[in-house]
Amino acid sequence: MAVSYKKLFKLMIDKDMKRKDLIKKTGLSYATIAKLENGDNVQMEVLERICREFKCQLNDIAEIVFEK
C-alpha cells in the first residue's frame, strides 16, 4: 500500500501554481515537496498546511494506492 499525491499536483496545475508558489504560501521546504513528488511519507502537519492553502480535504490531494 502506498500514498499517491498526484491529485495535489493536478490541483496545482489547475490553479496554475508552481512548486515555488506552494513553498512560499505554505512554508514547506523543497525537500518536503520532493518527498511528495516521490510518494514518500510526510507528516500530517504538511498535509494540513496544504489543505488549508487549497481549502480542501485530504482526499482532494492524496489517495491510497493498493499494490496487487
Protein backbone atom coordinates (compact mmCIF):
# COMPACT_ATOMS: atom_id res chain seq x y z
CA MET A 1 0.00 0.00 0.00
CA ALA A 2 1.30 3.44 -0.92
CA VAL A 3 0.13 7.03 -0.94
CA SER A 4 -0.09 8.96 -4.19
CA TYR A 5 -0.08 12.76 -4.29
CA LYS A 6 -0.90 13.02 -8.00
CA LYS A 7 -4.15 14.75 -7.08
CA LEU A 8 -2.16 17.51 -5.38
CA PHE A 9 -0.01 18.14 -8.43
CA LYS A 10 -3.05 18.10 -10.71
CA LEU A 11 -4.71 20.64 -8.42
CA MET A 12 -1.59 22.79 -8.61
CA ILE A 13 -1.68 22.64 -12.42
CA ASP A 14 -5.38 23.55 -12.43
CA LYS A 15 -4.64 26.58 -10.25
CA ASP A 16 -1.55 27.49 -12.31
CA MET A 17 0.64 27.09 -9.21
CA LYS A 18 4.30 26.14 -9.36
CA ARG A 19 6.26 24.29 -6.67
CA LYS A 20 7.93 27.53 -5.58
CA ASP A 21 4.50 29.14 -5.11
CA LEU A 22 3.37 26.27 -2.89
CA ILE A 23 6.58 26.54 -0.88
CA LYS A 24 6.13 30.28 -0.45
CA LYS A 25 2.46 30.02 0.62
CA THR A 26 2.82 27.03 2.95
CA GLY A 27 6.36 27.41 4.28
CA LEU A 28 7.27 23.88 3.22
CA SER A 29 10.80 23.03 2.15
CA TYR A 30 11.99 21.85 -1.25
CA ALA A 31 12.87 18.52 0.39
CA THR A 32 9.27 18.08 1.55
CA ILE A 33 7.95 18.82 -1.92
CA ALA A 34 10.40 16.24 -3.29
CA LYS A 35 9.02 13.68 -0.82
CA LEU A 36 5.51 14.39 -2.07
CA GLU A 37 6.64 14.00 -5.68
CA ASN A 38 8.23 10.65 -4.86
CA GLY A 39 5.24 9.41 -2.86
CA ASP A 40 7.28 9.23 0.34
CA ASN A 41 5.81 9.58 3.82
CA VAL A 42 5.27 13.10 5.13
CA GLN A 43 3.95 14.41 8.43
CA MET A 44 0.26 15.14 8.83
CA GLU A 45 1.18 18.78 9.51
CA VAL A 46 2.45 19.03 5.92
CA LEU A 47 -0.82 17.74 4.52
CA GLU A 48 -2.76 20.03 6.84
CA ARG A 49 -0.85 23.10 5.60
CA ILE A 50 -1.57 22.14 2.00
CA CYS A 51 -5.26 21.55 2.71
CA ARG A 52 -5.52 24.91 4.46
CA GLU A 53 -3.94 26.65 1.47
CA PHE A 54 -6.26 24.99 -1.04
CA LYS A 55 -9.26 24.94 1.35
CA CYS A 56 -9.76 21.25 0.60
CA GLN A 57 -9.91 17.82 2.23
CA LEU A 58 -7.16 15.18 2.36
CA ASN A 59 -8.84 13.08 -0.33
CA ASP A 60 -8.56 16.08 -2.68
CA ILE A 61 -4.75 15.92 -2.58
CA ALA A 62 -3.88 12.30 -1.77
CA GLU A 63 -5.11 8.77 -2.31
CA ILE A 64 -4.19 5.29 -1.15
CA VAL A 65 -2.88 3.03 -3.90
CA PHE A 66 -3.17 -0.68 -3.14
CA GLU A 67 -0.47 -2.94 -4.52
CA LYS A 68 -1.59 -6.00 -6.46
